[in-house]
Amino acid sequence: KAAKSTEQALRYEPNRRQALVNAARYRLVLGHLTRAENHAERAVRLFPDKASTLTIAALVDIEQQRLQRAQERLEKALQIMPNHAEARAALASLIGSQ
């Protein structure tokens, strides 16, 4: 049901930031990295200065072992929104694992 809701939201509002972020997150959880990346990169293209889009794109980058790009995106997300908990946690985890 969640997949259907996510896909419907994108169908009706393909350029809505939260719909793209949710779709990317859902696909990432399922391990559908190509589709997660497609949604996340579209979100970043449309909303390059939003912490949520940069964070979900960074999480996809981490799964694909693009760690430098992930770190850059997380740092940018935190410049935009210093209290973004998910970006802060992901960056701490990323730095701690290197």
PDB file of N, CA and C in Angstrom:
ATOM      1  N   LYS A   1       0.822  -1.201   0.000  1.00  0.00           N
ATOM      2  CA  LYS A   1       0.000   0.000   0.000  1.00  0.00           C
ATOM      3  C   LYS A   1       0.865   1.263   0.000  1.00  0.00           C
ATOM      4  N   ALA A   2       1.948   1.240   0.757  1.00  0.00           N
ATOM      5  CA  ALA A   2       2.827   2.416   0.795  1.00  0.00           C
ATOM      6  C   ALA A   2       3.425   2.703  -0.567  1.00  0.00           C
ATOM      7  N   ALA A   3       3.810   1.646  -1.276  1.00  0.00           N
ATOM      8  CA  ALA A   3       4.383   1.831  -2.611  1.00  0.00           C
ATOM      9  C   ALA A   3       3.367   2.470  -3.537  1.00  0.00           C
ATOM     10  N   LYS A   4       2.143   2.015  -3.461  1.00  0.00           N
ATOM     11  CA  LYS A   4       1.092   2.561  -4.320  1.00  0.00           C
ATOM     12  C   LYS A   4       0.846   4.033  -4.002  1.00  0.00           C
ATOM     13  N   SER A   5       0.794   4.373  -2.720  1.00  0.00           N
ATOM     14  CA  SER A   5       0.584   5.763  -2.312  1.00  0.00           C
ATOM     15  C   SER A   5       1.725   6.655  -2.782  1.00  0.00           C
ATOM     16  N   THR A   6       2.947   6.155  -2.644  1.00  0.00           N
ATOM     17  CA  THR A   6       4.117   6.923  -3.063  1.00  0.00           C
ATOM     18  C   THR A   6       4.104   7.162  -4.563  1.00  0.00           C
ATOM     19  N   GLU A   7       3.825   6.118  -5.319  1.00  0.00           N
ATOM     20  CA  GLU A   7       3.792   6.247  -6.776  1.00  0.00           C
ATOM     21  C   GLU A   7       2.645   7.142  -7.232  1.00  0.00           C
ATOM     22  N   GLN A   8       1.491   7.063  -6.556  1.00  0.00           N
ATOM     23  CA  GLN A   8       0.363   7.928  -6.897  1.00  0.00           C
ATOM     24  C   GLN A   8       0.705   9.392  -6.641  1.00  0.00           C
ATOM     25  N   ALA A   9       1.342   9.654  -5.532  1.00  0.00           N
ATOM     26  CA  ALA A   9       1.725  11.034  -5.221  1.00  0.00           C
ATOM     27  C   ALA A   9       2.634  11.597  -6.299  1.00  0.00           C
ATOM     28  N   LEU A  10       3.565  10.796  -6.774  1.00  0.00           N
ATOM     29  CA  LEU A  10       4.470  11.249  -7.837  1.00  0.00           C
ATOM     30  C   LEU A  10       3.746  11.429  -9.160  1.00  0.00           C
ATOM     31  N   ARG A  11       2.796  10.568  -9.425  1.00  0.00           N
ATOM     32  CA  ARG A  11       2.041  10.668 -10.676  1.00  0.00           C
ATOM     33  C   ARG A  11       1.248  11.977 -10.720  1.00  0.00           C
ATOM     34  N   TYR A  12       0.635  12.346  -9.597  1.00  0.00           N
ATOM     35  CA  TYR A  12      -0.186  13.547  -9.554  1.00  0.00           C
ATOM     36  C   TYR A  12       0.634  14.823  -9.382  1.00  0.00           C
ATOM     37  N   GLU A  13       1.737  14.715  -8.689  1.00  0.00           N
ATOM     38  CA  GLU A  13       2.588  15.880  -8.444  1.00  0.00           C
ATOM     39  C   GLU A  13       4.055  15.493  -8.624  1.00  0.00           C
ATOM     40  N   PRO A  14       4.480  15.292  -9.880  1.00  0.00           N
ATOM     41  CA  PRO A  14       5.833  14.772 -10.126  1.00  0.00           C
ATOM     42  C   PRO A  14       6.961  15.713  -9.695  1.00  0.00           C
ATOM     43  N   ASN A  15       6.650  16.973  -9.461  1.00  0.00           N
ATOM     44  CA  ASN A  15       7.683  17.931  -9.065  1.00  0.00           C
ATOM     45  C   ASN A  15       7.534  18.375  -7.612  1.00  0.00           C
ATOM     46  N   ARG A  16       6.768  17.641  -6.845  1.00  0.00           N
ATOM     47  CA  ARG A  16       6.601  17.978  -5.430  1.00  0.00           C
ATOM     48  C   ARG A  16       7.784  17.415  -4.639  1.00  0.00           C
ATOM     49  N   ARG A  17       8.428  18.292  -3.908  1.00  0.00           N
ATOM     50  CA  ARG A  17       9.650  17.906  -3.198  1.00  0.00           C
ATOM     51  C   ARG A  17       9.432  16.731  -2.256  1.00  0.00           C
ATOM     52  N   GLN A  18       8.434  16.811  -1.411  1.00  0.00           N
ATOM     53  CA  GLN A  18       8.245  15.754  -0.419  1.00  0.00           C
ATOM     54  C   GLN A  18       7.889  14.419  -1.073  1.00  0.00           C
ATOM     55  N   ALA A  19       7.162  14.460  -2.174  1.00  0.00           N
ATOM     56  CA  ALA A  19       6.834  13.220  -2.882  1.00  0.00           C
ATOM     57  C   ALA A  19       8.099  12.564  -3.432  1.00  0.00           C
ATOM     58  N   LEU A  20       8.996  13.366  -3.974  1.00  0.00           N
ATOM     59  CA  LEU A  20      10.264  12.830  -4.496  1.00  0.00           C
ATOM     60  C   LEU A  20      11.138  12.275  -3.379  1.00  0.00           C
ATOM     61  N   VAL A  21      11.216  13.003  -2.282  1.00  0.00           N
ATOM     62  CA  VAL A  21      12.019  12.546  -1.140  1.00  0.00           C
ATOM     63  C   VAL A  21      11.448  11.239  -0.586  1.00  0.00           C
ATOM     64  N   ASN A  22      10.132  11.185  -0.428  1.00  0.00           N
ATOM     65  CA  ASN A  22       9.496   9.962   0.089  1.00  0.00           C
ATOM     66  C   ASN A  22       9.703   8.780  -0.846  1.00  0.00           C
ATOM     67  N   ALA A  23       9.570   9.024  -2.139  1.00  0.00           N
ATOM     68  CA  ALA A  23       9.761   7.944  -3.113  1.00  0.00           C
ATOM     69  C   ALA A  23      11.202   7.442  -3.075  1.00  0.00           C
ATOM     70  N   ALA A  24      12.148   8.352  -2.998  1.00  0.00           N
ATOM     71  CA  ALA A  24      13.565   7.956  -2.925  1.00  0.00           C
ATOM     72  C   ALA A  24      13.826   7.149  -1.663  1.00  0.00           C
ATOM     73  N   ARG A  25      13.285   7.621  -0.549  1.00  0.00           N
ATOM     74  CA  ARG A  25      13.490   6.923   0.729  1.00  0.00           C
ATOM     75  C   ARG A  25      12.880   5.526   0.682  1.00  0.00           C
ATOM     76  N   TYR A  26      11.684   5.417   0.161  1.00  0.00           N
ATOM     77  CA  TYR A  26      11.001   4.123   0.078  1.00  0.00           C
ATOM     78  C   TYR A  26      11.798   3.156  -0.799  1.00  0.00           C
ATOM     79  N   ARG A  27      12.240   3.626  -1.955  1.00  0.00           N
ATOM     80  CA  ARG A  27      13.021   2.765  -2.856  1.00  0.00           C
ATOM     81  C   ARG A  27      14.354   2.383  -2.229  1.00  0.00           C
ATOM     82  N   LEU A  28      14.946   3.291  -1.484  1.00  0.00           N
ATOM     83  CA  LEU A  28      16.203   2.999  -0.810  1.00  0.00           C
ATOM     84  C   LEU A  28      16.019   1.891   0.216  1.00  0.00           C
ATOM     85  N   VAL A  29      14.961   1.970   0.993  1.00  0.00           N
ATOM     86  CA  VAL A  29      14.670   0.946   2.004  1.00  0.00           C
ATOM     87  C   VAL A  29      14.468  -0.410   1.353  1.00  0.00           C
ATOM     88  N   LEU A  30      13.830  -0.423   0.186  1.00  0.00           N
ATOM     89  CA  LEU A  30      13.589  -1.678  -0.522  1.00  0.00           C
ATOM     90  C   LEU A  30      14.833  -2.210  -1.244  1.00  0.00           C
ATOM     91  N   GLY A  31      15.876  -1.376  -1.304  1.00  0.00           N
ATOM     92  CA  GLY A  31      17.089  -1.793  -2.004  1.00  0.00           C
ATOM     93  C   GLY A  31      17.036  -1.553  -3.495  1.00  0.00           C
ATOM     94  N   HIS A  32      16.078  -0.761  -3.939  1.00  0.00           N
ATOM     95  CA  HIS A  32      15.958  -0.411  -5.366  1.00  0.00           C
ATOM     96  C   HIS A  32      16.798   0.842  -5.611  1.00  0.00           C
ATOM     97  N   LEU A  33      18.111   0.649  -5.663  1.00  0.00           N
ATOM     98  CA  LEU A  33      19.029   1.789  -5.672  1.00  0.00           C
ATOM     99  C   LEU A  33      18.913   2.653  -6.917  1.00  0.00           C
ATOM    100  N   THR A  34      18.680   2.046  -8.059  1.00  0.00           N
ATOM    101  CA  THR A  34      18.574   2.840  -9.289  1.00  0.00           C
ATOM    102  C   THR A  34      17.367   3.754  -9.229  1.00  0.00           C
ATOM    103  N   ARG A  35      16.238   3.228  -8.802  1.00  0.00           N
ATOM    104  CA  ARG A  35      15.033   4.057  -8.708  1.00  0.00           C
ATOM    105  C   ARG A  35      15.169   5.076  -7.592  1.00  0.00           C
ATOM    106  N   ALA A  36      15.788   4.696  -6.492  1.00  0.00           N
ATOM    107  CA  ALA A  36      16.017   5.648  -5.402  1.00  0.00           C
ATOM    108  C   ALA A  36      16.888   6.800  -5.901  1.00  0.00           C
ATOM    109  N   GLU A  37      17.930   6.453  -6.632  1.00  0.00           N
ATOM    110  CA  GLU A  37      18.823   7.479  -7.166  1.00  0.00           C
ATOM    111  C   GLU A  37      18.090   8.391  -8.140  1.00  0.00           C
ATOM    112  N   ASN A  38      17.270   7.822  -8.998  1.00  0.00           N
ATOM    113  CA  ASN A  38      16.517   8.644  -9.953  1.00  0.00           C
ATOM    114  C   ASN A  38      15.650   9.671  -9.234  1.00  0.00           C
ATOM    115  N   HIS A  39      14.919   9.235  -8.229  1.00  0.00           N
ATOM    116  CA  HIS A  39      14.054  10.152  -7.473  1.00  0.00           C
ATOM    117  C   HIS A  39      14.881  11.189  -6.719  1.00  0.00           C
ATOM    118  N   ALA A  40      15.947  10.746  -6.070  1.00  0.00           N
ATOM    119  CA  ALA A  40      16.773  11.663  -5.276  1.00  0.00           C
ATOM    120  C   ALA A  40      17.465  12.704  -6.155  1.00  0.00           C
ATOM    121  N   GLU A  41      17.998  12.275  -7.277  1.00  0.00           N
ATOM    122  CA  GLU A  41      18.693  13.219  -8.159  1.00  0.00           C
ATOM    123  C   GLU A  41      17.720  14.216  -8.775  1.00  0.00           C
ATOM    124  N   ARG A  42      16.516  13.761  -9.088  1.00  0.00           N
ATOM    125  CA  ARG A  42      15.492  14.686  -9.602  1.00  0.00           C
ATOM    126  C   ARG A  42      15.158  15.719  -8.523  1.00  0.00           C
ATOM    127  N   ALA A  43      15.020  15.266  -7.295  1.00  0.00           N
ATOM    128  CA  ALA A  43      14.731  16.188  -6.192  1.00  0.00           C
ATOM    129  C   ALA A  43      15.842  17.222  -6.043  1.00  0.00           C
ATOM    130  N   VAL A  44      17.091  16.792  -6.137  1.00  0.00           N
ATOM    131  CA  VAL A  44      18.218  17.728  -6.010  1.00  0.00           C
ATOM    132  C   VAL A  44      18.246  18.707  -7.180  1.00  0.00           C
ATOM    133  N   ARG A  45      17.942  18.225  -8.379  1.00  0.00           N
ATOM    134  CA  ARG A  45      17.909  19.127  -9.540  1.00  0.00           C
ATOM    135  C   ARG A  45      16.837  20.202  -9.371  1.00  0.00           C
ATOM    136  N   LEU A  46      15.671  19.800  -8.884  1.00  0.00           N
ATOM    137  CA  LEU A  46      14.562  20.740  -8.726  1.00  0.00           C
ATOM    138  C   LEU A  46      14.693  21.615  -7.486  1.00  0.00           C
ATOM    139  N   PHE A  47      15.285  21.055  -6.427  1.00  0.00           N
ATOM    140  CA  PHE A  47      15.374  21.750  -5.141  1.00  0.00           C
ATOM    141  C   PHE A  47      16.793  21.640  -4.581  1.00  0.00           C
ATOM    142  N   PRO A  48      17.756  22.293  -5.235  1.00  0.00           N
ATOM    143  CA  PRO A  48      19.160  22.121  -4.835  1.00  0.00           C
ATOM    144  C   PRO A  48      19.513  22.741  -3.492  1.00  0.00           C
ATOM    145  N   ASP A  49      18.661  23.596  -2.974  1.00  0.00           N
ATOM    146  CA  ASP A  49      18.968  24.277  -1.721  1.00  0.00           C
ATOM    147  C   ASP A  49      18.047  23.855  -0.593  1.00  0.00           C
ATOM    148  N   LYS A  50      17.600  22.621  -0.626  1.00  0.00           N
ATOM    149  CA  LYS A  50      16.757  22.075   0.438  1.00  0.00           C
ATOM    150  C   LYS A  50      17.508  20.958   1.146  1.00  0.00           C
ATOM    151  N   ALA A  51      17.575  21.047   2.445  1.00  0.00           N
ATOM    152  CA  ALA A  51      18.315  20.055   3.229  1.00  0.00           C
ATOM    153  C   ALA A  51      17.761  18.651   3.030  1.00  0.00           C
ATOM    154  N   SER A  52      16.451  18.523   2.907  1.00  0.00           N
ATOM    155  CA  SER A  52      15.858  17.187   2.771  1.00  0.00           C
ATOM    156  C   SER A  52      16.257  16.510   1.468  1.00  0.00           C
ATOM    157  N   THR A  53      16.347  17.267   0.385  1.00  0.00           N
ATOM    158  CA  THR A  53      16.722  16.646  -0.893  1.00  0.00           C
ATOM    159  C   THR A  53      18.198  16.266  -0.896  1.00  0.00           C
ATOM    160  N   LEU A  54      19.024  17.134  -0.332  1.00  0.00           N
ATOM    161  CA  LEU A  54      20.451  16.819  -0.262  1.00  0.00           C
ATOM    162  C   LEU A  54      20.710  15.617   0.643  1.00  0.00           C
ATOM    163  N   THR A  55      19.948  15.513   1.710  1.00  0.00           N
ATOM    164  CA  THR A  55      20.143  14.405   2.653  1.00  0.00           C
ATOM    165  C   THR A  55      19.744  13.081   2.034  1.00  0.00           C
ATOM    166  N   ILE A  56      18.594  13.008   1.385  1.00  0.00           N
ATOM    167  CA  ILE A  56      18.190  11.724   0.789  1.00  0.00           C
ATOM    168  C   ILE A  56      19.149  11.345  -0.339  1.00  0.00           C
ATOM    169  N   ALA A  57      19.609  12.323  -1.097  1.00  0.00           N
ATOM    170  CA  ALA A  57      20.579  12.023  -2.158  1.00  0.00           C
ATOM    171  C   ALA A  57      21.887  11.508  -1.549  1.00  0.00           C
ATOM    172  N   ALA A  58      22.289  12.083  -0.428  1.00  0.00           N
ATOM    173  CA  ALA A  58      23.503  11.625   0.255  1.00  0.00           C
ATOM    174  C   ALA A  58      23.343  10.202   0.773  1.00  0.00           C
ATOM    175  N   LEU A  59      22.168   9.869   1.275  1.00  0.00           N
ATOM    176  CA  LEU A  59      21.938   8.499   1.755  1.00  0.00           C
ATOM    177  C   LEU A  59      22.029   7.491   0.613  1.00  0.00           C
ATOM    178  N   VAL A  60      21.529   7.873  -0.547  1.00  0.00           N
ATOM    179  CA  VAL A  60      21.675   7.005  -1.730  1.00  0.00           C
ATOM    180  C   VAL A  60      23.156   6.896  -2.092  1.00  0.00           C
ATOM    181  N   ASP A  61      23.855   8.025  -2.061  1.00  0.00           N
ATOM    182  CA  ASP A  61      25.300   8.013  -2.350  1.00  0.00           C
ATOM    183  C   ASP A  61      26.045   7.065  -1.408  1.00  0.00           C
ATOM    184  N   ILE A  62      25.702   7.092  -0.138  1.00  0.00           N
ATOM    185  CA  ILE A  62      26.362   6.214   0.832  1.00  0.00           C
ATOM    186  C   ILE A  62      26.134   4.754   0.455  1.00  0.00           C
ATOM    187  N   GLU A  63      24.933   4.409   0.105  1.00  0.00           N
ATOM    188  CA  GLU A  63      24.643   3.020  -0.288  1.00  0.00           C
ATOM    189  C   GLU A  63      25.421   2.611  -1.530  1.00  0.00           C
ATOM    190  N   GLN A  64      25.738   3.571  -2.372  1.00  0.00           N
ATOM    191  CA  GLN A  64      26.477   3.281  -3.601  1.00  0.00           C
ATOM    192  C   GLN A  64      27.971   3.563  -3.452  1.00  0.00           C
ATOM    193  N   GLN A  65      28.407   3.758  -2.203  1.00  0.00           N
ATOM    194  CA  GLN A  65      29.823   3.954  -1.872  1.00  0.00           C
ATOM    195  C   GLN A  65      30.431   5.198  -2.511  1.00  0.00           C
ATOM    196  N   ARG A  66      29.618   6.196  -2.756  1.00  0.00           N
ATOM    197  CA  ARG A  66      30.118   7.493  -3.234  1.00  0.00           C
ATOM    198  C   ARG A  66      30.219   8.402  -2.001  1.00  0.00           C
ATOM    199  N   LEU A  67      31.186   8.087  -1.170  1.00  0.00           N
ATOM    200  CA  LEU A  67      31.259   8.685   0.157  1.00  0.00           C
ATOM    201  C   LEU A  67      31.666  10.150   0.156  1.00  0.00           C
ATOM    202  N   GLN A  68      32.547  10.545  -0.731  1.00  0.00           N
ATOM    203  CA  GLN A  68      32.961  11.949  -0.799  1.00  0.00           C
ATOM    204  C   GLN A  68      31.782  12.825  -1.190  1.00  0.00           C
ATOM    205  N   ARG A  69      31.040  12.407  -2.199  1.00  0.00           N
ATOM    206  CA  ARG A  69      29.870  13.186  -2.627  1.00  0.00           C
ATOM    207  C   ARG A  69      28.817  13.211  -1.527  1.00  0.00           C
ATOM    208  N   ALA A  70      28.632  12.098  -0.844  1.00  0.00           N
ATOM    209  CA  ALA A  70      27.669  12.044   0.258  1.00  0.00           C
ATOM    210  C   ALA A  70      28.062  13.047   1.341  1.00  0.00           C
ATOM    211  N   GLN A  71      29.330  13.059   1.697  1.00  0.00           N
ATOM    212  CA  GLN A  71      29.790  13.984   2.733  1.00  0.00           C
ATOM    213  C   GLN A  71      29.569  15.435   2.309  1.00  0.00           C
ATOM    214  N   GLU A  72      29.878  15.748   1.072  1.00  0.00           N
ATOM    215  CA  GLU A  72      29.678  17.119   0.578  1.00  0.00           C
ATOM    216  C   GLU A  72      28.206  17.513   0.639  1.00  0.00           C
ATOM    217  N   ARG A  73      27.339  16.603   0.253  1.00  0.00           N
ATOM    218  CA  ARG A  73      25.909  16.901   0.288  1.00  0.00           C
ATOM    219  C   ARG A  73      25.401  17.071   1.716  1.00  0.00           C
ATOM    220  N   LEU A  74      25.861  16.237   2.611  1.00  0.00           N
ATOM    221  CA  LEU A  74      25.435  16.354   4.002  1.00  0.00           C
ATOM    222  C   LEU A  74      25.937  17.654   4.627  1.00  0.00           C
ATOM    223  N   GLU A  75      27.161  18.018   4.322  1.00  0.00           N
ATOM    224  CA  GLU A  75      27.700  19.279   4.830  1.00  0.00           C
ATOM    225  C   GLU A  75      26.908  20.470   4.293  1.00  0.00           C
ATOM    226  N   LYS A  76      26.546  20.419   3.019  1.00  0.00           N
ATOM    227  CA  LYS A  76      25.738  21.495   2.429  1.00  0.00           C
ATOM    228  C   LYS A  76      24.358  21.536   3.083  1.00  0.00           C
ATOM    229  N   ALA A  77      23.768  20.362   3.298  1.00  0.00           N
ATOM    230  CA  ALA A  77      22.455  20.302   3.953  1.00  0.00           C
ATOM    231  C   ALA A  77      22.528  20.963   5.326  1.00  0.00           C
ATOM    232  N   LEU A  78      23.602  20.724   6.053  1.00  0.00           N
ATOM    233  CA  LEU A  78      23.749  21.295   7.390  1.00  0.00           C
ATOM    234  C   LEU A  78      24.089  22.788   7.361  1.00  0.00           C
ATOM    235  N   GLN A  79      24.679  23.254   6.273  1.00  0.00           N
ATOM    236  CA  GLN A  79      24.859  24.702   6.119  1.00  0.00           C
ATOM    237  C   GLN A  79      23.499  25.369   5.935  1.00  0.00           C
ATOM    238  N   ILE A  80      22.624  24.708   5.196  1.00  0.00           N
ATOM    239  CA  ILE A  80      21.293  25.244   4.933  1.00  0.00           C
ATOM    240  C   ILE A  80      20.422  25.163   6.181  1.00  0.00           C
ATOM    241  N   MET A  81      20.471  24.006   6.847  1.00  0.00           N
ATOM    242  CA  MET A  81      19.642  23.770   8.027  1.00  0.00           C
ATOM    243  C   MET A  81      20.499  23.076   9.094  1.00  0.00           C
ATOM    244  N   PRO A  82      21.160  23.858   9.924  1.00  0.00           N
ATOM    245  CA  PRO A  82      22.111  23.298  10.893  1.00  0.00           C
ATOM    246  C   PRO A  82      21.526  22.272  11.866  1.00  0.00           C
ATOM    247  N   ASN A  83      20.238  22.313  12.101  1.00  0.00           N
ATOM    248  CA  ASN A  83      19.633  21.385  13.056  1.00  0.00           C
ATOM    249  C   ASN A  83      18.938  20.207  12.378  1.00  0.00           C
ATOM    250  N   HIS A  84      19.246  19.957  11.118  1.00  0.00           N
ATOM    251  CA  HIS A  84      18.615  18.841  10.401  1.00  0.00           C
ATOM    252  C   HIS A  84      19.149  17.530  11.000  1.00  0.00           C
ATOM    253  N   ALA A  85      18.323  16.891  11.803  1.00  0.00           N
ATOM    254  CA  ALA A  85      18.758  15.725  12.588  1.00  0.00           C
ATOM    255  C   ALA A  85      19.245  14.570  11.712  1.00  0.00           C
ATOM    256  N   GLU A  86      18.541  14.289  10.638  1.00  0.00           N
ATOM    257  CA  GLU A  86      18.934  13.158   9.787  1.00  0.00           C
ATOM    258  C   GLU A  86      20.279  13.419   9.116  1.00  0.00           C
ATOM    259  N   ALA A  87      20.476  14.620   8.622  1.00  0.00           N
ATOM    260  CA  ALA A  87      21.754  14.962   7.988  1.00  0.00           C
ATOM    261  C   ALA A  87      22.883  14.914   9.006  1.00  0.00           C
ATOM    262  N   ARG A  88      22.630  15.427  10.187  1.00  0.00           N
ATOM    263  CA  ARG A  88      23.649  15.428  11.247  1.00  0.00           C
ATOM    264  C   ARG A  88      24.033  13.994  11.628  1.00  0.00           C
ATOM    265  N   ALA A  89      23.040  13.144  11.796  1.00  0.00           N
ATOM    266  CA  ALA A  89      23.304  11.745  12.168  1.00  0.00           C
ATOM    267  C   ALA A  89      24.030  11.002  11.058  1.00  0.00           C
ATOM    268  N   ALA A  90      23.613  11.237   9.812  1.00  0.00           N
ATOM    269  CA  ALA A  90      24.251  10.549   8.684  1.00  0.00           C
ATOM    270  C   ALA A  90      25.709  10.986   8.538  1.00  0.00           C
ATOM    271  N   LEU A  91      25.956  12.278   8.721  1.00  0.00           N
ATOM    272  CA  LEU A  91      27.337  12.779   8.605  1.00  0.00           C
ATOM    273  C   LEU A  91      28.202  12.217   9.734  1.00  0.00           C
ATOM    274  N   ALA A  92      27.685  12.196  10.933  1.00  0.00           N
ATOM    275  CA  ALA A  92      28.441  11.641  12.055  1.00  0.00           C
ATOM    276  C   ALA A  92      28.768  10.172  11.827  1.00  0.00           C
ATOM    277  N   SER A  93      27.802   9.438  11.323  1.00  0.00           N
ATOM    278  CA  SER A  93      28.021   8.023  11.038  1.00  0.00           C
ATOM    279  C   SER A  93      29.042   7.839   9.918  1.00  0.00           C
ATOM    280  N   LEU A  94      28.936   8.656   8.899  1.00  0.00           N
ATOM    281  CA  LEU A  94      29.844   8.579   7.766  1.00  0.00           C
ATOM    282  C   LEU A  94      31.279   8.889   8.196  1.00  0.00           C
ATOM    283  N   ILE A  95      31.459   9.957   8.937  1.00  0.00           N
ATOM    284  CA  ILE A  95      32.791  10.342   9.404  1.00  0.00           C
ATOM    285  C   ILE A  95      33.336   9.299  10.368  1.00  0.00           C
ATOM    286  N   GLY A  96      32.475   8.759  11.200  1.00  0.00           N
ATOM    287  CA  GLY A  96      32.901   7.743  12.149  1.00  0.00           C
ATOM    288  C   GLY A  96      33.322   6.441  11.505  1.00  0.00           C
ATOM    289  N   SER A  97      32.827   6.173  10.307  1.00  0.00           N
ATOM    290  CA  SER A  97      33.149   4.913   9.629  1.00  0.00           C
ATOM    291  C   SER A  97      34.367   5.006   8.727  1.00  0.00           C
ATOM    292  N   GLN A  98      34.892   6.211   8.563  1.00  0.00           N
ATOM    293  CA  GLN A  98      36.032   6.385   7.650  1.00  0.00           C
ATOM    294  C   GLN A  98      37.358   6.215   8.355  1.00  0.00           C
TER     295      GLN A  98
END
